[in-house]
Amino acid sequence: MGIVTSEEYRERLFKMRNNIHMGGEVISRDDSRLKPALDLLSFTFDKVEDPTLKNVITATSHLDGEKVHRLNHIHQSSDDLLKKQECTRLLCQKAGGCIQRCMGIDALNAVSVVTKDCDDVFGTEYHSRFIEYMKNFQKNDLVGNCAQSDVKGDRSKRPFEQSDPDLYLRVIEKKKDGIVVRGCKAHNSNAPFSDEIVVVPTRLMTEQDADWSVAFAVPADHPGVKQVVRITAPREREHLKMEQHFGVADSMTVFDDAFVPWERVFLCGEYYFASMLAMLFATFHRHSYTGCKPAITDLLMGATALSAEYNGVEEASHIKDKLSDLIATGELVYAAGIAASVKATMANSGTYIPNILYTNVGRYHAGINLYHEYETVADVAGGLPATLPYEDEFFASETKEFMEKYIMRKDGISAENQHRLFRALSDVLCSSFAGVSQVGGLHGGGSPIMEKIAIRNNYDIDSRKRMFKKHCGIED
């Protein structure tokens, strides 16, 4: 099969067991409250036929030579990484934000590397299991969610030191036919709309953390899994309908003594490789951010420029400076992703790993500039996005005339278009969706401090010291 339609994707999703907990009840995946985020995931299937994405949105599987979705591909070259980055940016531009589908394949790329390395050292069979799993994943064009972040409890303590050992997901029993796991993974974007939950470790592990050093995959409706979900979307419109009304989802995914058969287990107790897997998922995912975050900057720049135009100040020098800053930020992050792709290395499994230094530099700059980008939009837009009357007032007989008269700014731009702009700006800046997007943009894939640590750990500072010693005439 390799490629499926959004209708086929929805059909199989709606057949899944109801294990979504939201608003104090258990709901099905066709519940209307889930629709904005479900429509977003469906969008990633629909765009396979978009001619402007023809050269980037599909790839050739190295497993069977069949055509697969780019976001289901295991990277086999620098060019694959470049096309994944480009595909992510283009899809996010078209969707108006995050597309929620990169986490799963970022995790699977990391698993493809670590299972082979672990097998080479310990003679395990993880990689062959992964290959069979991946064949099925690609054949059926599945959606994966990466469940990495544990709830962590006391951050000063390691997993084995926690007063409640379940605050990091762990293996509580090994059986002849599989393992039993218990714990909770947090911040699981797109989990309610995924076919598979791919679990990987969240941090460096020690020998004493062996029970927590586990990686596996289960169906998203597994009998031992409960998804506790929240959905966020831009405000509904009654009159000024938008072309797309997409939302995002996150789950606290509870594993309640869930049984996982061995064929779906990719690590179990190998703490060194668990640490490597945690790091590699972060690397692949931060590389994805060098595609999606420039797209967000593109959209915020468009919002800033349009606000300036509608307010009649687009020629002001300080406005041009602000736009230049946005351009520089977005393209610097994207350039770091390109460098990470070009400087990629091939793992023993054949998977190409983006350069860790450039990947983290790109994600770091995306994170530390994010709130400044939103501040720029707010600065140019003014206060109206925060105080804009409700949409109904622009259509009610007693207030319509006044609303249309007093929203006007620059001549030649209709009241409706002024209203549409500031209604959208209110969603971008002042809604619950805006708040979630901003915090997610800062912390998703790792907070800036984590990128700083990765940058420092992967940079040869000592050689630079020796370099300058030579200039000073200091003997080593």
Protein backbone atom coordinates (compact mmCIF):
# COMPACT_ATOMS: atom_id res chain seq x y z
CA MET A 1 0.00 0.00 0.00
CA GLY A 2 2.50 2.69 1.16
CA ILE A 3 0.23 5.73 0.75
CA VAL A 4 -3.36 5.98 2.00
CA THR A 5 -6.00 8.69 1.72
CA SER A 6 -7.24 10.82 4.59
CA GLU A 7 -10.58 9.03 4.32
CA GLU A 8 -8.88 5.66 4.82
CA TYR A 9 -6.90 7.09 7.72
CA ARG A 10 -10.07 8.36 9.41
CA GLU A 11 -11.90 5.11 8.80
CA ARG A 12 -9.31 3.01 10.61
CA LEU A 13 -8.99 5.58 13.41
CA PHE A 14 -12.73 5.52 14.10
CA LYS A 15 -12.60 1.74 14.51
CA MET A 16 -10.17 1.98 17.41
CA ARG A 17 -11.12 1.20 20.99
CA ASN A 18 -12.40 4.19 22.94
CA ASN A 19 -9.63 5.07 25.38
CA ILE A 20 -9.61 8.88 25.09
CA HIS A 21 -10.46 10.57 28.40
CA MET A 22 -11.54 14.19 28.04
CA GLY A 23 -13.87 16.41 30.01
CA GLY A 24 -14.52 13.71 32.57
CA GLU A 25 -15.74 11.12 30.07
CA VAL A 26 -14.43 8.51 27.67
CA ILE A 27 -14.97 9.57 24.08
CA SER A 28 -14.53 8.09 20.62
CA ARG A 29 -12.08 9.45 18.08
CA ASP A 30 -14.93 10.80 15.94
CA ASP A 31 -16.08 13.09 18.76
CA SER A 32 -16.68 16.59 17.38
CA ARG A 33 -14.35 18.13 20.01
CA LEU A 34 -11.43 16.31 18.42
CA LYS A 35 -12.24 17.46 14.90
CA PRO A 36 -9.86 20.48 14.58
CA ALA A 37 -6.81 18.37 15.46
CA LEU A 38 -8.01 15.37 13.48
CA ASP A 39 -8.46 17.62 10.43
CA LEU A 40 -4.85 18.73 10.84
CA LEU A 41 -3.52 15.16 10.74
CA SER A 42 -5.80 14.39 7.78
CA PHE A 43 -4.27 17.39 6.02
CA THR A 44 -0.87 15.61 5.97
CA PHE A 45 -2.46 12.80 3.96
CA ASP A 46 -4.35 15.09 1.59
CA LYS A 47 -1.24 17.05 0.67
CA VAL A 48 0.44 14.02 -0.90
CA GLU A 49 -1.37 15.04 -4.10
CA ASP A 50 -0.31 18.70 -3.89
CA PRO A 51 1.79 19.41 -7.02
CA THR A 52 3.87 22.02 -5.17
CA LEU A 53 5.08 19.24 -2.83
CA LYS A 54 5.66 16.65 -5.53
CA ASN A 55 9.41 16.29 -5.09
CA VAL A 56 9.52 16.30 -1.27
CA ILE A 57 6.42 14.77 0.34
CA THR A 58 7.13 11.17 -0.69
CA ALA A 59 10.23 8.99 -0.55
CA THR A 60 11.33 5.54 -1.65
CA SER A 61 11.50 3.05 1.21
CA HIS A 62 14.89 1.39 1.66
CA LEU A 63 13.05 -1.67 2.99
CA ASP A 64 10.94 -2.63 -0.03
CA GLY A 65 11.47 0.03 -2.68
CA GLU A 66 7.88 1.27 -2.43
CA LYS A 67 6.75 4.89 -2.31
CA VAL A 68 6.06 6.09 1.24
CA HIS A 69 5.10 9.35 2.91
CA ARG A 70 8.17 11.45 3.66
CA LEU A 71 7.08 11.58 7.31
CA ASN A 72 7.26 7.76 7.44
CA HIS A 73 10.75 7.44 5.98
CA ILE A 74 14.03 6.32 7.57
CA HIS A 75 16.63 8.78 6.30
CA GLN A 76 19.20 7.13 4.03
CA SER A 77 21.18 10.19 2.94
CA SER A 78 21.84 13.86 3.55
CA ASP A 79 19.37 14.56 0.76
CA ASP A 80 16.67 12.70 2.70
CA LEU A 81 17.28 14.96 5.69
CA LEU A 82 17.18 18.07 3.49
CA LYS A 83 13.89 16.99 1.91
CA LYS A 84 12.37 16.15 5.29
CA GLN A 85 13.28 19.63 6.50
CA GLU A 86 11.87 21.27 3.36
CA CYS A 87 8.72 19.14 3.46
CA THR A 88 8.13 20.06 7.10
CA ARG A 89 8.52 23.79 6.41
CA LEU A 90 6.19 23.72 3.40
CA LEU A 91 3.51 21.67 5.17
CA CYS A 92 3.62 23.95 8.22
CA GLN A 93 3.31 27.03 6.01
CA LYS A 94 0.25 25.55 4.33
CA ALA A 95 -1.30 24.36 7.59
CA GLY A 96 -0.68 27.65 9.39
CA GLY A 97 1.35 25.99 12.15
CA CYS A 98 2.63 22.69 13.53
CA ILE A 99 1.55 19.60 11.59
CA GLN A 100 1.89 17.25 14.59
CA ARG A 101 3.29 14.31 12.62
CA CYS A 102 7.06 14.50 12.93
CA MET A 103 7.42 13.07 16.47
CA GLY A 104 6.70 9.48 15.52
CA ILE A 105 9.11 9.23 12.63
CA ASP A 106 11.81 11.12 14.53
CA ALA A 107 11.56 8.46 17.23
CA LEU A 108 11.64 5.62 14.72
CA ASN A 109 14.76 7.02 13.04
CA ALA A 110 16.45 7.06 16.44
CA VAL A 111 15.27 3.50 17.16
CA SER A 112 16.66 2.36 13.81
CA VAL A 113 20.13 3.50 14.90
CA VAL A 114 20.16 2.29 18.50
CA THR A 115 18.71 -1.17 17.91
CA LYS A 116 21.47 -1.99 15.43
CA ASP A 117 24.21 -0.68 17.72
CA CYS A 118 22.81 -2.60 20.68
CA ASP A 119 22.60 -5.82 18.65
CA ASP A 120 26.22 -5.38 17.55
CA VAL A 121 27.36 -5.17 21.17
CA PHE A 122 25.07 -7.62 22.95
CA GLY A 123 23.88 -9.96 20.20
CA THR A 124 20.24 -8.99 20.84
CA GLU A 125 17.50 -9.15 18.19
CA TYR A 126 16.08 -5.67 18.50
CA HIS A 127 16.99 -4.45 15.04
CA SER A 128 15.36 -7.32 13.17
CA ARG A 129 12.22 -6.69 15.23
CA PHE A 130 12.38 -3.04 14.32
CA ILE A 131 12.74 -3.81 10.60
CA GLU A 132 9.62 -5.97 10.62
CA TYR A 133 7.75 -3.36 12.61
CA MET A 134 8.85 -0.61 10.20
CA LYS A 135 7.77 -2.58 7.14
CA ASN A 136 4.24 -2.74 8.49
CA PHE A 137 4.35 0.91 9.58
CA GLN A 138 5.28 2.08 6.09
CA LYS A 139 3.04 -0.37 4.25
CA ASN A 140 -0.05 0.92 6.06
CA ASP A 141 1.03 4.59 6.12
CA LEU A 142 0.61 4.74 9.87
CA VAL A 143 0.82 7.76 12.16
CA GLY A 144 3.16 7.43 15.12
CA ASN A 145 3.36 9.34 18.35
CA CYS A 146 6.59 9.55 20.32
CA ALA A 147 6.02 9.16 24.05
CA GLN A 148 9.30 10.33 25.57
CA SER A 149 8.76 12.79 28.42
CA ASP A 150 8.13 11.06 31.73
CA VAL A 151 6.36 13.04 34.44
CA LYS A 152 9.71 12.83 36.33
CA GLY A 153 8.62 13.60 39.89
CA ASP A 154 11.47 15.18 41.86
CA ARG A 155 13.79 16.56 39.16
CA SER A 156 16.82 16.32 41.45
CA LYS A 157 16.50 12.52 41.64
CA ARG A 158 17.17 9.77 39.12
CA PRO A 159 14.44 7.26 38.22
CA PHE A 160 15.59 4.66 40.78
CA GLU A 161 15.67 7.32 43.52
CA GLN A 162 12.06 8.47 43.21
CA SER A 163 9.76 7.81 46.17
CA ASP A 164 7.20 6.57 43.62
CA PRO A 165 9.07 4.43 41.05
CA ASP A 166 6.26 4.84 38.52
CA LEU A 167 7.06 8.53 37.96
CA TYR A 168 9.34 7.27 35.20
CA LEU A 169 7.84 4.56 33.00
CA ARG A 170 9.37 1.20 33.92
CA VAL A 171 9.27 -2.54 33.35
CA ILE A 172 7.56 -4.23 36.29
CA GLU A 173 7.63 -7.77 34.94
CA LYS A 174 9.36 -9.80 32.23
CA LYS A 175 7.48 -12.78 30.83
CA LYS A 176 8.27 -15.44 28.30
CA ASP A 177 6.16 -13.68 25.66
CA GLY A 178 6.74 -10.04 26.59
CA ILE A 179 7.02 -7.38 29.27
CA VAL A 180 4.60 -5.50 31.52
CA VAL A 181 5.11 -1.74 31.88
CA ARG A 182 3.72 0.91 34.20
CA GLY A 183 4.00 4.69 34.17
CA CYS A 184 2.88 7.82 32.37
CA LYS A 185 4.29 9.77 29.46
CA ALA A 186 3.39 13.47 29.17
CA HIS A 187 3.15 16.10 26.41
CA ASN A 188 2.26 13.44 23.81
CA SER A 189 1.28 15.61 20.85
CA ASN A 190 -1.04 13.92 18.32
CA ALA A 191 -1.45 10.76 20.46
CA PRO A 192 -5.27 10.67 20.10
CA PHE A 193 -4.87 10.62 16.30
CA SER A 194 -1.99 8.15 16.12
CA ASP A 195 -2.09 4.51 15.14
CA GLU A 196 0.97 3.72 17.25
CA ILE A 197 2.59 4.99 20.45
CA VAL A 198 6.39 4.70 20.25
CA VAL A 199 7.92 4.83 23.74
CA VAL A 200 11.53 5.91 24.24
CA PRO A 201 13.54 6.91 27.36
CA THR A 202 13.63 10.53 28.43
CA ARG A 203 17.12 10.94 29.92
CA LEU A 204 20.56 9.48 30.49
CA MET A 205 20.33 6.25 32.52
CA THR A 206 22.68 4.47 34.91
CA GLU A 207 22.98 0.79 35.73
CA GLN A 208 20.60 1.32 38.64
CA ASP A 209 18.04 2.70 36.18
CA ALA A 210 17.91 -0.50 34.11
CA ASP A 211 14.20 -1.14 34.79
CA TRP A 212 13.44 2.30 33.34
CA SER A 213 15.66 1.73 30.28
CA VAL A 214 12.97 0.51 27.91
CA ALA A 215 11.71 1.26 24.41
CA PHE A 216 8.72 -0.28 22.66
CA ALA A 217 5.66 0.41 20.51
CA VAL A 218 2.00 -0.38 21.13
CA PRO A 219 -1.23 0.43 19.30
CA ALA A 220 -2.67 3.74 20.48
CA ASP A 221 -5.82 1.95 21.69
CA HIS A 222 -3.91 -0.75 23.57
CA PRO A 223 -6.02 -2.27 26.42
CA GLY A 224 -3.48 -1.12 29.01
CA VAL A 225 -3.30 2.46 27.74
CA LYS A 226 -5.43 5.42 28.80
CA GLN A 227 -5.03 8.75 27.03
CA VAL A 228 -5.99 11.80 29.11
CA VAL A 229 -6.32 14.49 26.47
CA ARG A 230 -6.76 18.20 25.97
CA ILE A 231 -7.48 19.90 22.64
CA THR A 232 -6.68 23.50 21.76
CA ALA A 233 -7.84 25.29 18.61
CA PRO A 234 -8.45 28.85 17.43
CA ARG A 235 -11.87 30.18 18.39
CA GLU A 236 -14.81 28.99 16.32
CA ARG A 237 -16.22 31.48 13.80
CA GLU A 238 -19.90 31.87 13.04
CA HIS A 239 -19.67 34.36 10.18
CA LEU A 240 -16.08 34.91 9.03
CA LYS A 241 -15.25 31.28 8.40
CA MET A 242 -11.59 30.44 7.84
CA GLU A 243 -10.34 28.21 5.05
CA GLN A 244 -8.84 25.85 7.63
CA HIS A 245 -9.71 25.43 11.30
CA PHE A 246 -6.93 23.28 12.71
CA GLY A 247 -6.10 22.51 16.32
CA VAL A 248 -3.56 20.58 18.34
CA ALA A 249 -3.82 17.81 20.89
CA ASP A 250 -1.71 16.57 23.76
CA SER A 251 -2.09 13.51 25.93
CA MET A 252 -0.90 12.31 29.29
CA THR A 253 -0.61 8.68 28.27
CA VAL A 254 -1.02 6.26 31.15
CA PHE A 255 0.39 2.74 30.89
CA ASP A 256 -1.60 0.77 33.44
CA ASP A 257 0.32 -2.52 33.69
CA ALA A 258 0.31 -2.73 29.90
CA PHE A 259 1.57 -5.94 28.31
CA VAL A 260 3.97 -5.53 25.37
CA PRO A 261 4.93 -8.62 23.30
CA TRP A 262 8.65 -9.09 22.68
CA GLU A 263 8.32 -8.43 18.95
CA ARG A 264 7.37 -4.83 19.84
CA VAL A 265 10.17 -4.31 22.38
CA PHE A 266 13.26 -2.43 21.11
CA LEU A 267 15.28 -2.06 24.34
CA CYS A 268 14.87 -3.64 27.74
CA GLY A 269 17.46 -2.90 30.42
CA GLU A 270 20.35 -1.78 28.20
CA TYR A 271 20.86 1.51 30.04
CA TYR A 272 23.74 2.80 27.91
CA PHE A 273 21.71 2.44 24.73
CA ALA A 274 18.64 3.84 26.46
CA SER A 275 20.68 6.99 27.10
CA MET A 276 21.77 7.06 23.48
CA LEU A 277 18.17 6.65 22.29
CA ALA A 278 17.00 9.57 24.45
CA MET A 279 19.69 11.78 22.93
CA LEU A 280 19.12 10.64 19.36
CA PHE A 281 15.37 11.20 19.42
CA ALA A 282 16.07 14.73 20.64
CA THR A 283 18.53 15.19 17.78
CA PHE A 284 16.14 14.02 15.07
CA HIS A 285 13.26 15.98 16.57
CA ARG A 286 15.25 19.19 16.94
CA HIS A 287 16.23 18.81 13.29
CA SER A 288 12.51 18.71 12.46
CA TYR A 289 12.18 21.99 14.33
CA THR A 290 14.61 23.60 11.88
CA GLY A 291 11.85 23.02 9.32
CA CYS A 292 8.72 23.85 11.30
CA LYS A 293 9.97 26.82 13.31
CA PRO A 294 11.06 28.81 10.22
CA ALA A 295 7.55 28.20 8.88
CA ILE A 296 6.08 29.68 12.07
CA THR A 297 8.41 32.66 11.67
CA ASP A 298 7.23 33.00 8.06
CA LEU A 299 3.64 33.19 9.28
CA LEU A 300 4.41 35.65 12.08
CA MET A 301 6.36 37.80 9.63
CA GLY A 302 3.35 37.79 7.30
CA ALA A 303 1.13 38.83 10.20
CA THR A 304 3.51 41.65 11.09
CA ALA A 305 3.84 42.91 7.53
CA LEU A 306 0.08 42.79 6.91
CA SER A 307 -0.61 44.60 10.19
CA ALA A 308 1.81 47.32 9.16
CA GLU A 309 0.18 47.62 5.74
CA TYR A 310 -3.38 47.79 7.11
CA ASN A 311 -2.29 50.35 9.72
CA GLY A 312 -0.62 52.45 7.01
CA VAL A 313 2.89 52.26 8.48
CA GLU A 314 4.56 49.72 6.21
CA GLU A 315 7.13 52.25 4.98
CA ALA A 316 8.35 53.20 8.46
CA SER A 317 12.02 52.35 8.98
CA HIS A 318 11.47 50.63 12.33
CA ILE A 319 8.89 48.35 10.72
CA LYS A 320 11.38 47.36 8.04
CA ASP A 321 13.96 46.66 10.75
CA LYS A 322 11.53 44.39 12.58
CA LEU A 323 10.79 42.45 9.40
CA SER A 324 14.51 42.09 8.74
CA ASP A 325 14.99 40.66 12.23
CA LEU A 326 12.25 38.09 11.62
CA ILE A 327 13.74 37.10 8.28
CA ALA A 328 17.20 36.72 9.83
CA THR A 329 15.89 34.53 12.65
CA GLY A 330 13.85 32.21 10.44
CA GLU A 331 16.51 31.75 7.80
CA LEU A 332 19.30 31.29 10.37
CA VAL A 333 17.35 28.43 11.99
CA TYR A 334 16.66 26.92 8.57
CA ALA A 335 20.31 27.30 7.55
CA ALA A 336 21.40 25.46 10.69
CA GLY A 337 19.12 22.59 9.66
CA ILE A 338 20.67 22.56 6.19
CA ALA A 339 24.16 22.47 7.71
CA ALA A 340 23.06 19.63 10.01
CA SER A 341 21.80 17.69 6.99
CA VAL A 342 24.89 18.27 4.87
CA LYS A 343 27.19 17.40 7.80
CA ALA A 344 25.15 14.29 8.70
CA THR A 345 26.84 11.00 9.54
CA MET A 346 25.77 7.48 8.63
CA ALA A 347 25.08 5.10 11.50
CA ASN A 348 25.84 1.36 11.39
CA SER A 349 22.18 0.80 10.50
CA GLY A 350 22.53 2.97 7.39
CA THR A 351 20.39 5.73 8.89
CA TYR A 352 21.72 9.25 8.48
CA ILE A 353 21.94 11.27 11.70
CA PRO A 354 21.88 15.08 11.41
CA ASN A 355 24.90 16.83 12.85
CA ILE A 356 24.20 17.24 16.56
CA LEU A 357 25.94 20.61 16.95
CA TYR A 358 24.18 22.39 14.08
CA THR A 359 20.84 20.78 14.94
CA ASN A 360 20.99 22.11 18.48
CA VAL A 361 22.25 25.53 17.41
CA GLY A 362 19.22 25.84 15.12
CA ARG A 363 16.70 24.69 17.72
CA TYR A 364 18.29 26.92 20.37
CA HIS A 365 17.92 30.05 18.26
CA ALA A 366 14.32 29.12 17.44
CA GLY A 367 13.51 28.79 21.14
CA ILE A 368 15.20 31.91 22.51
CA ASN A 369 13.74 34.13 19.76
CA LEU A 370 10.19 32.79 19.87
CA TYR A 371 8.66 35.21 22.39
CA HIS A 372 10.43 38.14 20.74
CA GLU A 373 8.74 37.16 17.46
CA TYR A 374 5.30 37.24 19.10
CA GLU A 375 6.22 40.53 20.77
CA THR A 376 7.02 41.95 17.33
CA VAL A 377 3.60 41.00 16.00
CA ALA A 378 1.90 42.50 19.07
CA ASP A 379 3.99 45.68 18.82
CA VAL A 380 2.98 46.34 15.21
CA ALA A 381 -0.63 45.14 15.51
CA GLY A 382 -1.41 47.31 18.52
CA GLY A 383 -3.92 46.59 21.28
CA LEU A 384 -6.97 45.72 19.19
CA PRO A 385 -6.30 41.94 19.04
CA ALA A 386 -6.75 41.90 22.84
CA THR A 387 -9.90 44.07 23.00
CA LEU A 388 -11.66 43.25 19.73
CA PRO A 389 -15.44 42.90 20.32
CA TYR A 390 -17.06 39.54 19.72
CA GLU A 391 -17.69 38.54 16.14
CA ASP A 392 -21.47 38.77 16.58
CA GLU A 393 -21.26 42.54 17.15
CA PHE A 394 -20.02 42.98 13.59
CA PHE A 395 -23.22 41.38 12.28
CA ALA A 396 -25.90 42.43 14.80
CA SER A 397 -28.26 45.07 13.39
CA GLU A 398 -27.75 47.53 16.25
CA THR A 399 -23.93 47.53 16.16
CA LYS A 400 -22.89 46.40 12.67
CA GLU A 401 -22.72 49.93 11.22
CA PHE A 402 -20.55 51.19 14.08
CA MET A 403 -18.21 48.22 14.03
CA GLU A 404 -17.58 48.55 10.30
CA LYS A 405 -17.08 52.31 10.56
CA TYR A 406 -14.69 52.32 13.50
CA ILE A 407 -12.50 49.36 12.57
CA MET A 408 -11.35 51.15 9.44
CA ARG A 409 -7.72 52.15 9.07
CA LYS A 410 -5.95 52.58 5.73
CA ASP A 411 -8.13 53.66 2.81
CA GLY A 412 -8.80 51.04 0.19
CA ILE A 413 -8.98 48.08 2.59
CA SER A 414 -12.50 46.91 3.34
CA ALA A 415 -13.97 46.72 6.82
CA GLU A 416 -14.39 42.98 6.38
CA ASN A 417 -10.70 42.47 5.59
CA GLN A 418 -9.69 44.68 8.51
CA HIS A 419 -11.96 42.59 10.70
CA ARG A 420 -10.57 39.32 9.33
CA LEU A 421 -7.00 40.40 10.01
CA PHE A 422 -7.57 41.48 13.60
CA ARG A 423 -9.76 38.47 14.34
CA ALA A 424 -6.89 36.22 13.17
CA LEU A 425 -4.35 38.29 15.13
CA SER A 426 -6.47 37.78 18.24
CA ASP A 427 -6.18 34.03 17.72
CA VAL A 428 -2.43 34.28 17.14
CA LEU A 429 -1.70 36.51 20.14
CA CYS A 430 -4.45 36.35 22.74
CA SER A 431 -6.24 33.00 22.67
CA SER A 432 -5.63 29.81 24.64
CA PHE A 433 -4.36 28.38 21.34
CA ALA A 434 -1.76 31.17 21.23
CA GLY A 435 -0.58 30.40 24.75
CA VAL A 436 -0.23 26.70 24.06
CA SER A 437 1.63 27.40 20.82
CA GLN A 438 4.10 29.70 22.54
CA VAL A 439 4.93 27.38 25.43
CA GLY A 440 5.14 24.42 23.03
CA GLY A 441 7.42 26.41 20.76
CA LEU A 442 9.76 27.09 23.67
CA HIS A 443 9.87 23.64 25.26
CA GLY A 444 9.00 21.22 22.43
CA GLY A 445 11.93 19.00 21.55
CA GLY A 446 13.81 20.28 24.59
CA SER A 447 14.10 23.62 26.38
CA PRO A 448 16.87 26.06 25.35
CA ILE A 449 19.00 24.97 28.31
CA MET A 450 19.03 21.42 26.91
CA GLU A 451 20.21 22.69 23.53
CA LYS A 452 22.92 24.71 25.31
CA ILE A 453 24.14 21.59 27.07
CA ALA A 454 24.17 19.61 23.81
CA ILE A 455 26.00 22.43 22.01
CA ARG A 456 28.67 22.65 24.69
CA ASN A 457 29.09 18.88 24.93
CA ASN A 458 29.57 18.55 21.17
CA TYR A 459 31.98 21.43 20.71
CA ASP A 460 35.74 21.06 21.08
CA ILE A 461 36.49 23.95 23.42
CA ASP A 462 39.94 22.60 24.36
CA SER A 463 41.16 22.76 20.78
CA ARG A 464 40.14 26.43 20.65
CA LYS A 465 42.11 27.08 23.82
CA ARG A 466 45.15 25.41 22.27
CA MET A 467 44.62 27.45 19.13
CA PHE A 468 44.79 30.70 21.07
CA LYS A 469 47.69 29.50 23.22
CA LYS A 470 49.68 29.17 20.03
CA HIS A 471 48.93 32.79 19.14
CA CYS A 472 50.02 33.82 22.63
CA GLY A 473 53.24 31.83 22.46
CA ILE A 474 52.16 29.66 25.40
CA GLU A 475 53.71 26.20 25.39
CA ASP A 476 51.20 23.36 25.83
